[in-house]
Amino acid sequence: MKLARAIHFDESDTRVFASPARTGEWCIAGGFEFSDWTEGDLTGKARQAFANGWLGLETFGRVTFVAVTAVEPAEIEALADLLAGHFVTYYGAPSAEAARPVAREELAQMAELCEDHAPNTLLTVSRELTSAGVREQYRAIEPGEADLGQFAIHGSLDEPHGH
């Protein structure tokens, strides 16, 4: 199974997002954050998060680029727990147990997006507000299209995750 991790090529995310994701953290699209947004919400750094930000699952910050990589089933469960907790804290879910199926669905959607891409493929997201709601589009930059070896920074399983 594959998911994607936050990747940075420079410091720009620290300037364009109010809360940038940490390099190497697992990410999902996180478009649910914008489900009830209107044009009035789309200003400054919030606009940038809406337009091009993936959602990190540890910091809940945003990142412009993610890189596809393999993920272990046990990690998926831990990520589902983190996201379910986020839904309780920030979105009023009644309990982590009630939120876990929704969290798993968000992770499944991200896994499906990553499934057909080779490891180290970069993904970008772009969103726009339409009369029907938020429209998300994804773009893949295959590893051969850019020399990413010198830039790629991946987390390791040995890193403390702050749980």
C-alpha atoms as a PDB file:
ATOM      1  CA  MET A   1       0.000   0.000   0.000  1.00  0.00           C
ATOM      2  CA  LYS A   2       1.200   3.534  -0.715  1.00  0.00           C
ATOM      3  CA  LEU A   3       0.617   6.945   0.797  1.00  0.00           C
ATOM      4  CA  ALA A   4       2.593  10.158   0.453  1.00  0.00           C
ATOM      5  CA  ARG A   5       4.929  12.118   2.698  1.00  0.00           C
ATOM      6  CA  ALA A   6       5.522  15.863   2.856  1.00  0.00           C
ATOM      7  CA  ILE A   7       8.597  16.955   0.925  1.00  0.00           C
ATOM      8  CA  HIS A   8      10.273  20.352   0.762  1.00  0.00           C
ATOM      9  CA  PHE A   9      12.697  21.689  -1.836  1.00  0.00           C
ATOM     10  CA  ASP A  10      13.155  25.090  -0.193  1.00  0.00           C
ATOM     11  CA  GLU A  11      11.710  27.205   2.609  1.00  0.00           C
ATOM     12  CA  SER A  12       8.738  28.562   0.638  1.00  0.00           C
ATOM     13  CA  ASP A  13       6.098  26.523   2.519  1.00  0.00           C
ATOM     14  CA  THR A  14       7.189  28.173   5.769  1.00  0.00           C
ATOM     15  CA  ARG A  15       6.310  31.520   4.198  1.00  0.00           C
ATOM     16  CA  VAL A  16       3.103  30.691   2.320  1.00  0.00           C
ATOM     17  CA  PHE A  17       1.273  28.507   4.861  1.00  0.00           C
ATOM     18  CA  ALA A  18       0.193  29.723   8.306  1.00  0.00           C
ATOM     19  CA  SER A  19       1.077  26.260   9.631  1.00  0.00           C
ATOM     20  CA  PRO A  20       3.501  24.321   7.404  1.00  0.00           C
ATOM     21  CA  ALA A  21       3.673  20.525   7.537  1.00  0.00           C
ATOM     22  CA  ARG A  22       6.881  18.885   8.757  1.00  0.00           C
ATOM     23  CA  THR A  23       9.137  17.255   6.156  1.00  0.00           C
ATOM     24  CA  GLY A  24       8.484  13.517   6.066  1.00  0.00           C
ATOM     25  CA  GLU A  25       5.093  13.443   7.749  1.00  0.00           C
ATOM     26  CA  TRP A  26       2.319  11.430   6.098  1.00  0.00           C
ATOM     27  CA  CYS A  27      -0.226  13.550   4.218  1.00  0.00           C
ATOM     28  CA  ILE A  28      -3.716  13.401   2.769  1.00  0.00           C
ATOM     29  CA  ALA A  29      -5.535  15.907   0.570  1.00  0.00           C
ATOM     30  CA  GLY A  30      -7.547  17.214   3.530  1.00  0.00           C
ATOM     31  CA  GLY A  31     -10.102  19.038   1.416  1.00  0.00           C
ATOM     32  CA  PHE A  32     -12.731  18.447   4.119  1.00  0.00           C
ATOM     33  CA  GLU A  33     -11.290  21.472   5.939  1.00  0.00           C
ATOM     34  CA  PHE A  34     -12.691  23.699   3.187  1.00  0.00           C
ATOM     35  CA  SER A  35     -16.123  22.118   2.719  1.00  0.00           C
ATOM     36  CA  ASP A  36     -18.037  25.124   4.059  1.00  0.00           C
ATOM     37  CA  TRP A  37     -15.688  27.868   2.872  1.00  0.00           C
ATOM     38  CA  THR A  38     -16.825  30.824   0.783  1.00  0.00           C
ATOM     39  CA  GLU A  39     -14.887  33.387  -1.262  1.00  0.00           C
ATOM     40  CA  GLY A  40     -14.634  35.475   1.913  1.00  0.00           C
ATOM     41  CA  ASP A  41     -12.490  32.784   3.542  1.00  0.00           C
ATOM     42  CA  LEU A  42      -9.994  32.787   0.683  1.00  0.00           C
ATOM     43  CA  THR A  43      -7.518  35.423   1.793  1.00  0.00           C
ATOM     44  CA  GLY A  44      -3.784  35.408   2.496  1.00  0.00           C
ATOM     45  CA  LYS A  45      -2.236  32.225   3.833  1.00  0.00           C
ATOM     46  CA  ALA A  46      -5.634  30.540   4.192  1.00  0.00           C
ATOM     47  CA  ARG A  47      -6.106  31.028   0.445  1.00  0.00           C
ATOM     48  CA  GLN A  48      -2.768  29.305  -0.218  1.00  0.00           C
ATOM     49  CA  ALA A  49      -3.673  26.353   2.024  1.00  0.00           C
ATOM     50  CA  PHE A  50      -6.969  26.061   0.148  1.00  0.00           C
ATOM     51  CA  ALA A  51      -5.451  26.418  -3.322  1.00  0.00           C
ATOM     52  CA  ASN A  52      -2.457  24.083  -3.096  1.00  0.00           C
ATOM     53  CA  GLY A  53      -2.030  22.498   0.341  1.00  0.00           C
ATOM     54  CA  TRP A  54      -1.840  18.835   1.309  1.00  0.00           C
ATOM     55  CA  LEU A  55      -2.657  18.153   4.986  1.00  0.00           C
ATOM     56  CA  GLY A  56       0.040  16.675   7.244  1.00  0.00           C
ATOM     57  CA  LEU A  57      -1.278  14.057   9.675  1.00  0.00           C
ATOM     58  CA  GLU A  58       1.056  14.877  12.573  1.00  0.00           C
ATOM     59  CA  THR A  59       1.188  18.688  12.599  1.00  0.00           C
ATOM     60  CA  PHE A  60      -2.044  19.196  10.587  1.00  0.00           C
ATOM     61  CA  GLY A  61      -0.049  21.811   8.718  1.00  0.00           C
ATOM     62  CA  ARG A  62      -0.009  22.200   4.938  1.00  0.00           C
ATOM     63  CA  VAL A  63       2.604  21.358   2.283  1.00  0.00           C
ATOM     64  CA  THR A  64       2.815  22.014  -1.478  1.00  0.00           C
ATOM     65  CA  PHE A  65       4.496  18.755  -2.572  1.00  0.00           C
ATOM     66  CA  VAL A  66       4.144  15.176  -1.384  1.00  0.00           C
ATOM     67  CA  ALA A  67       6.164  12.148  -2.517  1.00  0.00           C
ATOM     68  CA  VAL A  68       4.565   8.721  -2.960  1.00  0.00           C
ATOM     69  CA  THR A  69       6.065   5.976  -0.801  1.00  0.00           C
ATOM     70  CA  ALA A  70       5.137   2.597   0.698  1.00  0.00           C
ATOM     71  CA  VAL A  71       3.277   2.532   4.017  1.00  0.00           C
ATOM     72  CA  GLU A  72       2.820  -0.315   6.485  1.00  0.00           C
ATOM     73  CA  PRO A  73      -0.700  -1.371   7.572  1.00  0.00           C
ATOM     74  CA  ALA A  74       0.163  -0.639  11.227  1.00  0.00           C
ATOM     75  CA  GLU A  75       1.071   2.921  10.228  1.00  0.00           C
ATOM     76  CA  ILE A  76      -2.311   3.318   8.512  1.00  0.00           C
ATOM     77  CA  GLU A  77      -4.044   2.399  11.784  1.00  0.00           C
ATOM     78  CA  ALA A  78      -1.924   4.893  13.748  1.00  0.00           C
ATOM     79  CA  LEU A  79      -2.711   7.590  11.166  1.00  0.00           C
ATOM     80  CA  ALA A  80      -6.426   6.763  11.346  1.00  0.00           C
ATOM     81  CA  ASP A  81      -6.220   7.281  15.125  1.00  0.00           C
ATOM     82  CA  LEU A  82      -4.459  10.660  14.694  1.00  0.00           C
ATOM     83  CA  LEU A  83      -7.010  11.835  12.138  1.00  0.00           C
ATOM     84  CA  ALA A  84      -9.968  10.581  14.194  1.00  0.00           C
ATOM     85  CA  GLY A  85      -8.632  12.567  17.160  1.00  0.00           C
ATOM     86  CA  HIS A  86      -8.349  15.634  14.920  1.00  0.00           C
ATOM     87  CA  PHE A  87     -12.002  15.191  13.888  1.00  0.00           C
ATOM     88  CA  VAL A  88     -13.034  15.088  17.561  1.00  0.00           C
ATOM     89  CA  THR A  89     -10.916  18.112  18.567  1.00  0.00           C
ATOM     90  CA  TYR A  90     -11.592  20.390  15.595  1.00  0.00           C
ATOM     91  CA  TYR A  91     -14.761  19.169  13.883  1.00  0.00           C
ATOM     92  CA  GLY A  92     -16.989  18.115  16.762  1.00  0.00           C
ATOM     93  CA  ALA A  93     -17.025  14.358  16.109  1.00  0.00           C
ATOM     94  CA  PRO A  94     -18.651  12.715  19.140  1.00  0.00           C
ATOM     95  CA  SER A  95     -15.767  10.268  19.724  1.00  0.00           C
ATOM     96  CA  ALA A  96     -12.614   8.871  18.150  1.00  0.00           C
ATOM     97  CA  GLU A  97     -14.496   5.595  17.617  1.00  0.00           C
ATOM     98  CA  ALA A  98     -17.236   7.389  15.682  1.00  0.00           C
ATOM     99  CA  ALA A  99     -14.678   9.347  13.640  1.00  0.00           C
ATOM    100  CA  ARG A 100     -12.358   6.432  12.818  1.00  0.00           C
ATOM    101  CA  PRO A 101     -14.390   5.144   9.790  1.00  0.00           C
ATOM    102  CA  VAL A 102     -14.329   8.646   8.272  1.00  0.00           C
ATOM    103  CA  ALA A 103     -10.589   8.889   8.965  1.00  0.00           C
ATOM    104  CA  ARG A 104     -10.012   5.493   7.324  1.00  0.00           C
ATOM    105  CA  GLU A 105     -11.996   6.634   4.283  1.00  0.00           C
ATOM    106  CA  GLU A 106      -9.807   9.757   3.940  1.00  0.00           C
ATOM    107  CA  LEU A 107      -6.698   7.545   4.103  1.00  0.00           C
ATOM    108  CA  ALA A 108      -8.200   5.078   1.598  1.00  0.00           C
ATOM    109  CA  GLN A 109      -8.836   7.926  -0.846  1.00  0.00           C
ATOM    110  CA  MET A 110      -5.205   9.039  -0.524  1.00  0.00           C
ATOM    111  CA  ALA A 111      -3.953   5.448  -0.938  1.00  0.00           C
ATOM    112  CA  GLU A 112      -6.067   5.124  -4.086  1.00  0.00           C
ATOM    113  CA  LEU A 113      -4.578   8.357  -5.436  1.00  0.00           C
ATOM    114  CA  CYS A 114      -1.030   7.057  -4.773  1.00  0.00           C
ATOM    115  CA  GLU A 115      -1.638   3.459  -5.880  1.00  0.00           C
ATOM    116  CA  ASP A 116      -0.719   3.782  -9.554  1.00  0.00           C
ATOM    117  CA  HIS A 117       2.348   5.961  -9.050  1.00  0.00           C
ATOM    118  CA  ALA A 118       5.941   4.827  -8.643  1.00  0.00           C
ATOM    119  CA  PRO A 119       7.730   5.581  -5.371  1.00  0.00           C
ATOM    120  CA  ASN A 120       9.089   9.149  -5.238  1.00  0.00           C
ATOM    121  CA  THR A 121       6.462  10.433  -7.678  1.00  0.00           C
ATOM    122  CA  LEU A 122       5.594  13.973  -6.609  1.00  0.00           C
ATOM    123  CA  LEU A 123       1.951  14.951  -6.298  1.00  0.00           C
ATOM    124  CA  THR A 124       0.418  18.402  -6.227  1.00  0.00           C
ATOM    125  CA  VAL A 125      -3.164  19.400  -5.486  1.00  0.00           C
ATOM    126  CA  SER A 126      -5.091  22.401  -6.751  1.00  0.00           C
ATOM    127  CA  ARG A 127      -8.506  23.472  -5.529  1.00  0.00           C
ATOM    128  CA  GLU A 128     -11.063  25.961  -6.683  1.00  0.00           C
ATOM    129  CA  LEU A 129     -14.381  27.042  -5.272  1.00  0.00           C
ATOM    130  CA  THR A 130     -17.253  26.366  -7.657  1.00  0.00           C
ATOM    131  CA  SER A 131     -21.000  26.749  -7.341  1.00  0.00           C
ATOM    132  CA  ALA A 132     -21.106  22.998  -6.609  1.00  0.00           C
ATOM    133  CA  GLY A 133     -18.484  23.240  -3.857  1.00  0.00           C
ATOM    134  CA  VAL A 134     -14.747  22.600  -3.714  1.00  0.00           C
ATOM    135  CA  ARG A 135     -13.185  21.065  -6.822  1.00  0.00           C
ATOM    136  CA  GLU A 136      -9.859  19.231  -6.355  1.00  0.00           C
ATOM    137  CA  GLN A 137      -7.432  18.295  -9.108  1.00  0.00           C
ATOM    138  CA  TYR A 138      -4.183  16.359  -8.762  1.00  0.00           C
ATOM    139  CA  ARG A 139      -1.012  16.398 -10.806  1.00  0.00           C
ATOM    140  CA  ALA A 140       1.770  13.807 -10.753  1.00  0.00           C
ATOM    141  CA  ILE A 141       5.402  14.550 -11.548  1.00  0.00           C
ATOM    142  CA  GLU A 142       7.091  11.229 -12.223  1.00  0.00           C
ATOM    143  CA  PRO A 143      10.550  10.636 -10.694  1.00  0.00           C
ATOM    144  CA  GLY A 144      12.207  10.662 -14.133  1.00  0.00           C
ATOM    145  CA  GLU A 145      10.861  14.153 -14.911  1.00  0.00           C
ATOM    146  CA  ALA A 146      13.125  15.818 -12.354  1.00  0.00           C
ATOM    147  CA  ASP A 147      16.341  14.893 -10.579  1.00  0.00           C
ATOM    148  CA  LEU A 148      14.862  14.502  -7.121  1.00  0.00           C
ATOM    149  CA  GLY A 149      17.551  12.356  -5.540  1.00  0.00           C
ATOM    150  CA  GLN A 150      19.406  15.334  -4.160  1.00  0.00           C
ATOM    151  CA  PHE A 151      16.232  16.843  -2.715  1.00  0.00           C
ATOM    152  CA  ALA A 152      14.199  13.878  -1.480  1.00  0.00           C
ATOM    153  CA  ILE A 153      13.969  13.760   2.293  1.00  0.00           C
ATOM    154  CA  HIS A 154      12.017  10.843   3.679  1.00  0.00           C
ATOM    155  CA  GLY A 155      11.175  10.073   7.257  1.00  0.00           C
ATOM    156  CA  SER A 156      12.356   6.842   8.810  1.00  0.00           C
ATOM    157  CA  LEU A 157      10.524   4.384  11.004  1.00  0.00           C
ATOM    158  CA  ASP A 158      13.067   5.132  13.748  1.00  0.00           C
ATOM    159  CA  GLU A 159      12.007   8.779  14.122  1.00  0.00           C
ATOM    160  CA  PRO A 160      10.029   9.711  17.220  1.00  0.00           C
ATOM    161  CA  HIS A 161       6.491  10.593  16.200  1.00  0.00           C
ATOM    162  CA  GLY A 162       5.449  12.482  19.297  1.00  0.00           C
ATOM    163  CA  HIS A 163       2.675  10.107  20.355  1.00  0.00           C
END
